[in-house]
PDB file of N, CA and C in Angstrom:
ATOM      1  N   MET A   1       0.903  -1.210  -0.043  1.00  0.00           N
ATOM      2  CA  MET A   1      -0.051  -0.003   0.050  1.00  0.00           C
ATOM      3  C   MET A   1       0.892   1.266   0.043  1.00  0.00           C
ATOM      4  N   SER A   2       0.597   2.186  -0.817  1.00  0.00           N
ATOM      5  CA  SER A   2       1.321   3.409  -0.913  1.00  0.00           C
ATOM      6  C   SER A   2       0.546   4.561  -0.371  1.00  0.00           C
ATOM      7  N   LEU A   3       1.252   5.463   0.343  1.00  0.00           N
ATOM      8  CA  LEU A   3       0.613   6.753   0.852  1.00  0.00           C
ATOM      9  C   LEU A   3       0.539   7.761  -0.260  1.00  0.00           C
ATOM     10  N   LEU A   4       1.493   7.793  -1.168  1.00  0.00           N
ATOM     11  CA  LEU A   4       1.508   8.655  -2.231  1.00  0.00           C
ATOM     12  C   LEU A   4       1.951   7.965  -3.493  1.00  0.00           C
ATOM     13  N   ALA A   5       1.225   7.988  -4.566  1.00  0.00           N
ATOM     14  CA  ALA A   5       1.601   7.437  -5.731  1.00  0.00           C
ATOM     15  C   ALA A   5       1.502   8.426  -6.943  1.00  0.00           C
ATOM     16  N   VAL A   6       2.548   8.589  -7.622  1.00  0.00           N
ATOM     17  CA  VAL A   6       2.669   9.468  -8.713  1.00  0.00           C
ATOM     18  C   VAL A   6       3.018   8.632  -9.979  1.00  0.00           C
ATOM     19  N   SER A   7       2.268   8.825 -10.959  1.00  0.00           N
ATOM     20  CA  SER A   7       2.488   8.066 -12.133  1.00  0.00           C
ATOM     21  C   SER A   7       2.421   8.920 -13.476  1.00  0.00           C
ATOM     22  N   ASN A   8       3.468   8.828 -14.166  1.00  0.00           N
ATOM     23  CA  ASN A   8       3.589   9.529 -15.577  1.00  0.00           C
ATOM     24  C   ASN A   8       3.265  10.978 -15.483  1.00  0.00           C
ATOM     25  N   LEU A   9       3.778  11.674 -14.435  1.00  0.00           N
ATOM     26  CA  LEU A   9       3.629  13.020 -14.285  1.00  0.00           C
ATOM     27  C   LEU A   9       4.285  13.834 -15.311  1.00  0.00           C
ATOM     28  N   THR A  10       3.675  14.764 -15.913  1.00  0.00           N
ATOM     29  CA  THR A  10       4.238  15.700 -16.964  1.00  0.00           C
ATOM     30  C   THR A  10       3.775  17.021 -16.836  1.00  0.00           C
ATOM     31  N   LYS A  11       4.737  18.028 -16.825  1.00  0.00           N
ATOM     32  CA  LYS A  11       4.477  19.458 -16.826  1.00  0.00           C
ATOM     33  C   LYS A  11       5.320  20.110 -17.867  1.00  0.00           C
ATOM     34  N   ARG A  12       4.627  20.927 -18.775  1.00  0.00           N
ATOM     35  CA  ARG A  12       5.390  21.673 -19.754  1.00  0.00           C
ATOM     36  C   ARG A  12       5.177  23.168 -19.585  1.00  0.00           C
ATOM     37  N   TYR A  13       6.226  23.972 -19.927  1.00  0.00           N
ATOM     38  CA  TYR A  13       6.146  25.412 -19.866  1.00  0.00           C
ATOM     39  C   TYR A  13       6.530  25.847 -21.179  1.00  0.00           C
ATOM     40  N   HIS A  14       6.352  27.179 -21.485  1.00  0.00           N
ATOM     41  CA  HIS A  14       6.842  27.818 -22.621  1.00  0.00           C
ATOM     42  C   HIS A  14       7.893  28.832 -22.317  1.00  0.00           C
ATOM     43  N   ARG A  15       8.957  28.745 -23.070  1.00  0.00           N
ATOM     44  CA  ARG A  15      10.066  29.718 -22.858  1.00  0.00           C
ATOM     45  C   ARG A  15      10.499  30.264 -24.364  1.00  0.00           C
ATOM     46  N   GLY A  16      10.321  31.515 -24.471  1.00  0.00           N
ATOM     47  CA  GLY A  16      10.610  32.077 -25.812  1.00  0.00           C
ATOM     48  C   GLY A  16       9.673  31.616 -26.883  1.00  0.00           C
ATOM     49  N   GLY A  17       8.468  31.231 -26.463  1.00  0.00           N
ATOM     50  CA  GLY A  17       7.495  30.770 -27.345  1.00  0.00           C
ATOM     51  C   GLY A  17       7.608  29.338 -27.668  1.00  0.00           C
ATOM     52  N   LYS A  18       8.627  28.647 -27.137  1.00  0.00           N
ATOM     53  CA  LYS A  18       8.704  27.222 -27.469  1.00  0.00           C
ATOM     54  C   LYS A  18       8.463  26.335 -26.182  1.00  0.00           C
ATOM     55  N   PRO A  19       7.727  25.297 -26.318  1.00  0.00           N
ATOM     56  CA  PRO A  19       7.431  24.466 -25.158  1.00  0.00           C
ATOM     57  C   PRO A  19       8.634  23.590 -24.780  1.00  0.00           C
ATOM     58  N   PHE A  20       8.680  23.444 -23.493  1.00  0.00           N
ATOM     59  CA  PHE A  20       9.765  22.446 -22.996  1.00  0.00           C
ATOM     60  C   PHE A  20       9.192  21.698 -21.720  1.00  0.00           C
ATOM     61  N   ALA A  21       9.598  20.541 -21.600  1.00  0.00           N
ATOM     62  CA  ALA A  21       9.167  19.616 -20.525  1.00  0.00           C
ATOM     63  C   ALA A  21       9.916  19.863 -19.300  1.00  0.00           C
ATOM     64  N   ALA A  22       9.333  20.500 -18.214  1.00  0.00           N
ATOM     65  CA  ALA A  22      10.049  20.709 -16.958  1.00  0.00           C
ATOM     66  C   ALA A  22      10.028  19.307 -16.215  1.00  0.00           C
ATOM     67  N   VAL A  23       8.949  18.552 -16.354  1.00  0.00           N
ATOM     68  CA  VAL A  23       8.828  17.242 -15.801  1.00  0.00           C
ATOM     69  C   VAL A  23       8.258  16.376 -16.862  1.00  0.00           C
ATOM     70  N   ASP A  24       8.879  15.221 -17.053  1.00  0.00           N
ATOM     71  CA  ASP A  24       8.421  14.386 -18.213  1.00  0.00           C
ATOM     72  C   ASP A  24       8.237  12.941 -17.735  1.00  0.00           C
ATOM     73  N   GLU A  25       7.028  12.504 -17.588  1.00  0.00           N
ATOM     74  CA  GLU A  25       6.621  11.166 -17.157  1.00  0.00           C
ATOM     75  C   GLU A  25       7.431  10.572 -16.051  1.00  0.00           C
ATOM     76  N   VAL A  26       7.334  11.294 -14.836  1.00  0.00           N
ATOM     77  CA  VAL A  26       7.913  10.956 -13.606  1.00  0.00           C
ATOM     78  C   VAL A  26       6.993  10.037 -12.900  1.00  0.00           C
ATOM     79  N   SER A  27       7.372   8.917 -12.315  1.00  0.00           N
ATOM     80  CA  SER A  27       6.645   8.077 -11.474  1.00  0.00           C
ATOM     81  C   SER A  27       7.406   7.666 -10.234  1.00  0.00           C
ATOM     82  N   PHE A  28       6.731   7.521  -9.067  1.00  0.00           N
ATOM     83  CA  PHE A  28       7.221   7.056  -7.921  1.00  0.00           C
ATOM     84  C   PHE A  28       6.120   6.788  -6.943  1.00  0.00           C
ATOM     85  N   GLU A  29       6.478   6.004  -5.910  1.00  0.00           N
ATOM     86  CA  GLU A  29       5.516   5.668  -4.770  1.00  0.00           C
ATOM     87  C   GLU A  29       6.260   5.868  -3.475  1.00  0.00           C
ATOM     88  N   VAL A  30       5.506   6.357  -2.494  1.00  0.00           N
ATOM     89  CA  VAL A  30       6.053   6.548  -1.123  1.00  0.00           C
ATOM     90  C   VAL A  30       5.128   5.816  -0.185  1.00  0.00           C
ATOM     91  N   GLY A  31       5.531   4.813   0.548  1.00  0.00           N
ATOM     92  CA  GLY A  31       4.714   4.153   1.443  1.00  0.00           C
ATOM     93  C   GLY A  31       4.797   4.709   2.904  1.00  0.00           C
ATOM     94  N   PRO A  32       3.925   4.246   3.768  1.00  0.00           N
ATOM     95  CA  PRO A  32       3.824   4.821   5.149  1.00  0.00           C
ATOM     96  C   PRO A  32       5.245   4.553   5.798  1.00  0.00           C
ATOM     97  N   ALA A  33       5.659   5.627   6.497  1.00  0.00           N
ATOM     98  CA  ALA A  33       6.980   5.589   7.205  1.00  0.00           C
ATOM     99  C   ALA A  33       8.145   5.547   6.284  1.00  0.00           C
ATOM    100  N   GLU A  34       7.963   5.843   4.962  1.00  0.00           N
ATOM    101  CA  GLU A  34       9.075   6.016   4.070  1.00  0.00           C
ATOM    102  C   GLU A  34       9.402   7.413   3.756  1.00  0.00           C
ATOM    103  N   THR A  35      10.596   7.772   3.374  1.00  0.00           N
ATOM    104  CA  THR A  35      10.998   9.054   3.037  1.00  0.00           C
ATOM    105  C   THR A  35      11.538   9.053   1.599  1.00  0.00           C
ATOM    106  N   LEU A  36      11.220  10.025   0.899  1.00  0.00           N
ATOM    107  CA  LEU A  36      11.675  10.265  -0.527  1.00  0.00           C
ATOM    108  C   LEU A  36      12.455  11.559  -0.647  1.00  0.00           C
ATOM    109  N   ALA A  37      13.613  11.441  -1.267  1.00  0.00           N
ATOM    110  CA  ALA A  37      14.473  12.551  -1.529  1.00  0.00           C
ATOM    111  C   ALA A  37      14.594  12.781  -3.048  1.00  0.00           C
ATOM    112  N   LEU A  38      14.414  14.002  -3.465  1.00  0.00           N
ATOM    113  CA  LEU A  38      14.653  14.374  -4.891  1.00  0.00           C
ATOM    114  C   LEU A  38      15.949  15.036  -4.995  1.00  0.00           C
ATOM    115  N   ALA A  39      16.820  14.556  -5.906  1.00  0.00           N
ATOM    116  CA  ALA A  39      18.168  15.101  -6.057  1.00  0.00           C
ATOM    117  C   ALA A  39      18.371  15.295  -7.523  1.00  0.00           C
ATOM    118  N   GLY A  40      19.083  16.310  -7.912  1.00  0.00           N
ATOM    119  CA  GLY A  40      19.425  16.647  -9.237  1.00  0.00           C
ATOM    120  C   GLY A  40      19.929  17.943  -9.515  1.00  0.00           C
ATOM    121  N   PRO A  41      20.483  18.305 -10.663  1.00  0.00           N
ATOM    122  CA  PRO A  41      21.072  19.635 -10.894  1.00  0.00           C
ATOM    123  C   PRO A  41      20.005  20.630 -10.877  1.00  0.00           C
ATOM    124  N   SER A  42      20.413  21.929 -10.846  1.00  0.00           N
ATOM    125  CA  SER A  42      19.474  23.013 -10.997  1.00  0.00           C
ATOM    126  C   SER A  42      18.778  22.901 -12.309  1.00  0.00           C
ATOM    127  N   GLY A  43      17.463  23.075 -12.305  1.00  0.00           N
ATOM    128  CA  GLY A  43      16.729  23.144 -13.473  1.00  0.00           C
ATOM    129  C   GLY A  43      16.172  21.735 -13.946  1.00  0.00           C
ATOM    130  N   SER A  44      16.291  20.725 -13.007  1.00  0.00           N
ATOM    131  CA  SER A  44      15.949  19.412 -13.398  1.00  0.00           C
ATOM    132  C   SER A  44      14.518  19.139 -13.043  1.00  0.00           C
ATOM    133  N   GLY A  45      13.835  19.915 -12.409  1.00  0.00           N
ATOM    134  CA  GLY A  45      12.306  19.747 -12.110  1.00  0.00           C
ATOM    135  C   GLY A  45      11.948  19.432 -10.706  1.00  0.00           C
ATOM    136  N   LYS A  46      12.905  19.450  -9.834  1.00  0.00           N
ATOM    137  CA  LYS A  46      12.612  19.069  -8.391  1.00  0.00           C
ATOM    138  C   LYS A  46      11.511  20.000  -7.813  1.00  0.00           C
ATOM    139  N   SER A  47      11.652  21.265  -7.864  1.00  0.00           N
ATOM    140  CA  SER A  47      10.618  22.143  -7.371  1.00  0.00           C
ATOM    141  C   SER A  47       9.318  22.030  -8.089  1.00  0.00           C
ATOM    142  N   THR A  48       9.310  21.822  -9.387  1.00  0.00           N
ATOM    143  CA  THR A  48       8.167  21.610 -10.168  1.00  0.00           C
ATOM    144  C   THR A  48       7.358  20.360  -9.538  1.00  0.00           C
ATOM    145  N   ILE A  49       8.159  19.281  -9.442  1.00  0.00           N
ATOM    146  CA  ILE A  49       7.517  18.082  -8.876  1.00  0.00           C
ATOM    147  C   ILE A  49       6.811  18.369  -7.579  1.00  0.00           C
ATOM    148  N   ALA A  50       7.548  19.047  -6.649  1.00  0.00           N
ATOM    149  CA  ALA A  50       7.039  19.310  -5.312  1.00  0.00           C
ATOM    150  C   ALA A  50       5.724  20.220  -5.479  1.00  0.00           C
ATOM    151  N   ARG A  51       5.706  21.228  -6.349  1.00  0.00           N
ATOM    152  CA  ARG A  51       4.514  22.029  -6.571  1.00  0.00           C
ATOM    153  C   ARG A  51       3.321  21.221  -7.224  1.00  0.00           C
ATOM    154  N   LEU A  52       3.674  20.301  -8.039  1.00  0.00           N
ATOM    155  CA  LEU A  52       2.624  19.414  -8.616  1.00  0.00           C
ATOM    156  C   LEU A  52       1.979  18.490  -7.535  1.00  0.00           C
ATOM    157  N   VAL A  53       2.881  17.889  -6.761  1.00  0.00           N
ATOM    158  CA  VAL A  53       2.388  17.050  -5.734  1.00  0.00           C
ATOM    159  C   VAL A  53       1.461  17.764  -4.736  1.00  0.00           C
ATOM    160  N   LEU A  54       1.829  18.943  -4.277  1.00  0.00           N
ATOM    161  CA  LEU A  54       1.066  19.789  -3.362  1.00  0.00           C
ATOM    162  C   LEU A  54      -0.175  20.472  -4.076  1.00  0.00           C
ATOM    163  N   ARG A  55      -0.304  20.215  -5.418  1.00  0.00           N
ATOM    164  CA  ARG A  55      -1.361  20.731  -6.225  1.00  0.00           C
ATOM    165  C   ARG A  55      -1.352  22.308  -6.171  1.00  0.00           C
ATOM    166  N   LEU A  56      -0.264  22.821  -6.108  1.00  0.00           N
ATOM    167  CA  LEU A  56       0.035  24.284  -6.247  1.00  0.00           C
ATOM    168  C   LEU A  56      -0.168  24.653  -7.788  1.00  0.00           C
ATOM    169  N   ILE A  57       0.202  23.699  -8.618  1.00  0.00           N
ATOM    170  CA  ILE A  57       0.149  23.846 -10.045  1.00  0.00           C
ATOM    171  C   ILE A  57      -0.542  22.462 -10.539  1.00  0.00           C
ATOM    172  N   GLU A  58      -1.187  22.589 -11.712  1.00  0.00           N
ATOM    173  CA  GLU A  58      -1.811  21.273 -12.185  1.00  0.00           C
ATOM    174  C   GLU A  58      -0.873  20.706 -13.271  1.00  0.00           C
ATOM    175  N   PRO A  59      -0.864  19.411 -13.260  1.00  0.00           N
ATOM    176  CA  PRO A  59      -0.053  18.709 -14.285  1.00  0.00           C
ATOM    177  C   PRO A  59      -0.723  18.734 -15.694  1.00  0.00           C
ATOM    178  N   ASP A  60       0.077  18.645 -16.702  1.00  0.00           N
ATOM    179  CA  ASP A  60      -0.361  18.540 -18.149  1.00  0.00           C
ATOM    180  C   ASP A  60      -0.858  17.020 -18.378  1.00  0.00           C
ATOM    181  N   ALA A  61      -0.252  16.141 -17.638  1.00  0.00           N
ATOM    182  CA  ALA A  61      -0.600  14.715 -17.828  1.00  0.00           C
ATOM    183  C   ALA A  61      -0.067  13.963 -16.550  1.00  0.00           C
ATOM    184  N   GLY A  62      -0.651  12.831 -16.400  1.00  0.00           N
ATOM    185  CA  GLY A  62      -0.234  11.989 -15.257  1.00  0.00           C
ATOM    186  C   GLY A  62      -1.311  11.947 -14.150  1.00  0.00           C
ATOM    187  N   ARG A  63      -0.956  11.252 -13.078  1.00  0.00           N
ATOM    188  CA  ARG A  63      -1.905  11.042 -12.018  1.00  0.00           C
ATOM    189  C   ARG A  63      -1.185  11.164 -10.655  1.00  0.00           C
ATOM    190  N   ILE A  64      -1.781  11.750  -9.670  1.00  0.00           N
ATOM    191  CA  ILE A  64      -1.276  11.867  -8.316  1.00  0.00           C
ATOM    192  C   ILE A  64      -2.393  11.337  -7.395  1.00  0.00           C
ATOM    193  N   ALA A  65      -1.993  10.369  -6.603  1.00  0.00           N
ATOM    194  CA  ALA A  65      -2.990   9.806  -5.635  1.00  0.00           C
ATOM    195  C   ALA A  65      -2.435   9.820  -4.244  1.00  0.00           C
ATOM    196  N   PHE A  66      -3.158  10.361  -3.392  1.00  0.00           N
ATOM    197  CA  PHE A  66      -2.729  10.469  -1.903  1.00  0.00           C
ATOM    198  C   PHE A  66      -3.691   9.538  -1.145  1.00  0.00           C
ATOM    199  N   GLU A  67      -3.125   8.620  -0.403  1.00  0.00           N
ATOM    200  CA  GLU A  67      -3.877   7.613   0.363  1.00  0.00           C
ATOM    201  C   GLU A  67      -4.680   6.833  -0.506  1.00  0.00           C
TER     202      GLU A  67
END
């Protein structure tokens, strides 16, 4: 059983009139009493994933399930 399940999460933005994927088909699960860490270089989508999971912004595709 997972507490948080994210599957095929995608978010695109436009920069200079051209679309780019900030997050492209990201999937993960976090179970009860588990911890998840997101690591990566600047601009890799860590903050965008956090905003998507908190529903501060809406995904273009994918699914987020809590409990």
